[in-house]
Amino acid sequence: MQVVYEAANLIDAHLVRHALEAQDIPVFLKGEALLGGVGELPLFGMVQVCVPEAAWPQARDIVERLSLGEAPQADAVQDDEPDPGAAGWLPA
């Protein structure tokens, strides 16, 4: 098994897992059971998403397309959303 993604948290790990399993790639989450341990263990960065070596290139492409942890692109904002500053509204 090779690590295809090191998750910042359990939610990210499961998002990647489900995306890979949807493409029939077997997945093992290394370190998932350790997240309940408190004290000496770090809170983040303990879960690794692992796949078989033969499936790693395909899995890596899928993980890269997920864009986890990246800010949305500027062109992703829709034009029909009202601009709060345009109507005289100010954030609280």
Protein backbone atom coordinates (compact mmCIF):
# COMPACT_ATOMS: atom_id res chain seq x y z
CA MET A 1 0.00 0.00 0.00
CA GLN A 2 1.15 3.52 -0.79
CA VAL A 3 0.00 6.79 0.75
CA VAL A 4 -1.97 8.81 -1.77
CA TYR A 5 -3.19 11.53 0.62
CA GLU A 6 -2.37 12.72 4.13
CA ALA A 7 -5.58 14.06 5.59
CA ALA A 8 -5.78 17.13 7.79
CA ASN A 9 -8.81 15.61 9.51
CA LEU A 10 -11.11 12.61 9.44
CA ILE A 11 -13.69 14.30 7.23
CA ASP A 12 -11.15 14.94 4.47
CA ALA A 13 -9.93 11.34 4.75
CA HIS A 14 -13.45 9.99 4.26
CA LEU A 15 -14.16 12.36 1.35
CA VAL A 16 -11.08 11.02 -0.42
CA ARG A 17 -11.94 7.45 0.53
CA HIS A 18 -15.44 7.67 -0.93
CA ALA A 19 -14.18 9.32 -4.12
CA LEU A 20 -11.64 6.53 -4.63
CA GLU A 21 -14.04 3.73 -3.77
CA ALA A 22 -16.53 5.18 -6.27
CA GLN A 23 -13.87 4.42 -8.92
CA ASP A 24 -13.43 0.86 -7.57
CA ILE A 25 -10.06 1.61 -5.96
CA PRO A 26 -9.59 -0.21 -2.63
CA VAL A 27 -8.69 2.14 0.23
CA PHE A 28 -7.18 1.72 3.69
CA LEU A 29 -7.23 4.59 6.20
CA LYS A 30 -4.03 4.33 8.23
CA GLY A 31 -4.27 5.95 11.65
CA GLU A 32 -8.06 6.35 11.71
CA ALA A 33 -8.40 4.46 15.00
CA LEU A 34 -5.80 6.69 16.68
CA LEU A 35 -7.91 9.85 16.42
CA GLY A 36 -9.77 8.99 19.61
CA GLY A 37 -6.55 9.02 21.61
CA VAL A 38 -6.07 12.20 23.60
CA GLY A 39 -2.96 13.41 25.33
CA GLU A 40 0.31 12.41 23.71
CA LEU A 41 -1.07 12.16 20.17
CA PRO A 42 -1.31 15.18 17.84
CA LEU A 43 -4.84 16.30 16.95
CA PHE A 44 -4.33 16.66 13.18
CA GLY A 45 -2.41 15.03 10.34
CA MET A 46 -2.56 11.47 11.60
CA VAL A 47 -4.77 9.86 8.95
CA GLN A 48 -3.22 8.63 5.72
CA VAL A 49 -5.27 7.39 2.79
CA CYS A 50 -3.50 4.36 1.31
CA VAL A 51 -4.14 2.50 -1.94
CA PRO A 52 -2.48 -0.49 -3.66
CA GLU A 53 0.68 0.42 -5.56
CA ALA A 54 -0.86 -0.52 -8.92
CA ALA A 55 -3.75 1.91 -8.37
CA TRP A 56 -1.62 4.80 -7.07
CA PRO A 57 -1.32 6.81 -10.35
CA GLN A 58 -5.08 6.71 -10.96
CA ALA A 59 -5.80 7.45 -7.29
CA ARG A 60 -3.41 10.43 -7.30
CA ASP A 61 -5.25 11.94 -10.29
CA ILE A 62 -8.57 11.60 -8.48
CA VAL A 63 -7.20 13.17 -5.29
CA GLU A 64 -5.75 16.11 -7.21
CA ARG A 65 -9.11 16.78 -8.88
CA LEU A 66 -10.84 16.95 -5.47
CA SER A 67 -9.05 20.24 -4.63
CA LEU A 68 -9.33 19.68 -0.89
CA GLY A 69 -8.11 22.55 1.25
CA GLU A 70 -7.92 25.04 -1.61
CA ALA A 71 -9.81 28.31 -1.78
CA PRO A 72 -12.48 28.59 -4.48
CA GLN A 73 -11.36 30.22 -7.71
CA ALA A 74 -12.41 33.81 -8.46
CA ASP A 75 -14.48 32.72 -11.46
CA ALA A 76 -16.48 30.34 -9.24
CA VAL A 77 -18.44 33.29 -7.76
CA GLN A 78 -21.77 33.66 -9.49
CA ASP A 79 -22.83 37.03 -10.88
CA ASP A 80 -26.40 36.75 -9.56
CA GLU A 81 -25.27 36.96 -5.93
CA PRO A 82 -26.01 40.37 -4.42
CA ASP A 83 -23.10 42.50 -3.32
CA PRO A 84 -23.72 43.46 0.34
CA GLY A 85 -21.72 46.67 -0.02
CA ALA A 86 -23.68 47.82 -3.08
CA ALA A 87 -26.99 48.09 -1.21
CA GLY A 88 -25.50 50.05 1.69
CA TRP A 89 -25.36 47.01 3.96
CA LEU A 90 -22.34 46.57 6.16
CA PRO A 91 -21.27 43.35 7.84
CA ALA A 92 -22.02 43.14 11.54
